[in-house]
C-alpha atoms as a PDB file:
ATOM      1  CA  MET A   1      -6.884   7.839 -40.007  1.00  0.00           C
ATOM      2  CA  THR A   2      -5.808   7.823 -43.604  1.00  0.00           C
ATOM      3  CA  THR A   3      -4.808  11.035 -45.283  1.00  0.00           C
ATOM      4  CA  SER A   4      -3.093  11.514 -48.567  1.00  0.00           C
ATOM      5  CA  GLY A   5      -1.033  14.462 -47.323  1.00  0.00           C
ATOM      6  CA  PRO A   6       1.989  14.500 -45.041  1.00  0.00           C
ATOM      7  CA  ILE A   7       1.652  13.788 -41.351  1.00  0.00           C
ATOM      8  CA  THR A   8       1.749  17.016 -39.405  1.00  0.00           C
ATOM      9  CA  ARG A   9       2.418  17.821 -35.793  1.00  0.00           C
ATOM     10  CA  ASP A  10      -1.320  18.381 -35.262  1.00  0.00           C
ATOM     11  CA  HIS A  11      -2.093  14.829 -36.447  1.00  0.00           C
ATOM     12  CA  ILE A  12       0.425  13.359 -34.008  1.00  0.00           C
ATOM     13  CA  GLU A  13      -0.816  15.490 -31.105  1.00  0.00           C
ATOM     14  CA  GLN A  14      -4.429  14.513 -31.801  1.00  0.00           C
ATOM     15  CA  ARG A  15      -3.533  10.822 -31.850  1.00  0.00           C
ATOM     16  CA  PHE A  16      -1.641  11.150 -28.557  1.00  0.00           C
ATOM     17  CA  ARG A  17      -4.671  12.878 -26.995  1.00  0.00           C
ATOM     18  CA  ASP A  18      -6.895  10.004 -28.161  1.00  0.00           C
ATOM     19  CA  ILE A  19      -4.546   7.433 -26.654  1.00  0.00           C
ATOM     20  CA  GLN A  20      -4.271   9.455 -23.414  1.00  0.00           C
ATOM     21  CA  SER A  21      -8.055   9.555 -22.964  1.00  0.00           C
ATOM     22  CA  GLU A  22      -8.298   5.776 -23.506  1.00  0.00           C
ATOM     23  CA  VAL A  23      -5.549   5.139 -20.950  1.00  0.00           C
ATOM     24  CA  GLU A  24      -7.214   7.397 -18.364  1.00  0.00           C
ATOM     25  CA  GLY A  25     -10.475   5.457 -18.757  1.00  0.00           C
ATOM     26  CA  VAL A  26      -8.730   2.132 -18.210  1.00  0.00           C
ATOM     27  CA  GLU A  27      -6.750   3.547 -15.279  1.00  0.00           C
ATOM     28  CA  SER A  28      -9.828   4.714 -13.379  1.00  0.00           C
ATOM     29  CA  GLU A  29     -11.526   1.356 -13.939  1.00  0.00           C
ATOM     30  CA  ALA A  30      -8.464  -0.550 -12.722  1.00  0.00           C
ATOM     31  CA  ARG A  31      -8.201   1.705  -9.673  1.00  0.00           C
ATOM     32  CA  SER A  32     -11.792   0.913  -8.655  1.00  0.00           C
ATOM     33  CA  TYR A  33     -11.162  -2.834  -8.997  1.00  0.00           C
ATOM     34  CA  THR A  34      -7.998  -2.482  -6.927  1.00  0.00           C
ATOM     35  CA  THR A  35      -9.881  -0.649  -4.185  1.00  0.00           C
ATOM     36  CA  ILE A  36     -12.510  -3.384  -4.045  1.00  0.00           C
ATOM     37  CA  ALA A  37      -9.860  -6.107  -3.953  1.00  0.00           C
ATOM     38  CA  VAL A  38      -7.919  -4.412  -1.135  1.00  0.00           C
ATOM     39  CA  ALA A  39     -11.101  -3.994   0.901  1.00  0.00           C
ATOM     40  CA  ALA A  40     -12.027  -7.659   0.396  1.00  0.00           C
ATOM     41  CA  VAL A  41      -8.558  -8.817   1.479  1.00  0.00           C
ATOM     42  CA  ALA A  42      -8.693  -6.592   4.575  1.00  0.00           C
ATOM     43  CA  VAL A  43     -12.089  -7.968   5.612  1.00  0.00           C
ATOM     44  CA  THR A  44     -10.881 -11.523   5.044  1.00  0.00           C
ATOM     45  CA  LEU A  45      -7.796 -10.943   7.200  1.00  0.00           C
ATOM     46  CA  VAL A  46      -9.884  -9.500  10.031  1.00  0.00           C
ATOM     47  CA  VAL A  47     -12.294 -12.451   9.944  1.00  0.00           C
ATOM     48  CA  VAL A  48      -9.444 -14.989   9.895  1.00  0.00           C
ATOM     49  CA  ALA A  49      -7.666 -13.239  12.777  1.00  0.00           C
ATOM     50  CA  PHE A  50     -10.882 -13.217  14.800  1.00  0.00           C
ATOM     51  CA  ALA A  51     -11.533 -16.903  14.098  1.00  0.00           C
ATOM     52  CA  LEU A  52      -7.995 -17.935  15.043  1.00  0.00           C
ATOM     53  CA  GLY A  53      -8.072 -15.824  18.209  1.00  0.00           C
ATOM     54  CA  SER A  54     -11.415 -17.284  19.197  1.00  0.00           C
ATOM     55  CA  ARG A  55     -10.116 -20.807  18.705  1.00  0.00           C
ATOM     56  CA  ARG A  56      -7.001 -20.088  20.716  1.00  0.00           C
ATOM     57  CA  GLY A  57      -9.139 -18.654  23.514  1.00  0.00           C
ATOM     58  CA  ARG A  58     -11.232 -21.829  23.650  1.00  0.00           C
ATOM     59  CA  LYS A  59      -8.130 -23.994  23.928  1.00  0.00           C
ATOM     60  CA  ARG A  60      -6.620 -21.963  26.775  1.00  0.00           C
ATOM     61  CA  ARG A  61      -9.820 -21.270  28.672  1.00  0.00           C
ATOM     62  CA  THR A  62     -10.109 -22.948  32.053  1.00  0.00           C
ATOM     63  CA  PHE A  63     -13.421 -24.550  32.847  1.00  0.00           C
ATOM     64  CA  VAL A  64     -14.370 -24.259  36.507  1.00  0.00           C
ATOM     65  CA  GLU A  65     -17.305 -26.283  37.751  1.00  0.00           C
ATOM     66  CA  ILE A  66     -18.907 -25.278  41.021  1.00  0.00           C
ATOM     67  CA  ARG A  67     -20.970 -27.889  42.864  1.00  0.00           C
ATOM     68  CA  ARG A  68     -23.174 -27.333  45.852  1.00  0.00           C
ATOM     69  CA  VAL A  69     -22.889 -29.888  48.551  1.00  0.00           C
END
């Protein structure tokens, strides 16, 4: 924005509004990426906990064999 006259309050307010709208666009995009990342981490933690619990259960499980005589 190049003007030959002095910078007025209206010019400054308009520029701040432009910057504000750009920041809001970036903020909403970053928020959606954050939501996806948090969901992916949560799913990964649940899968890892299940896998470790399953492995621990196999180690501690007693195997009983019944034979008929």
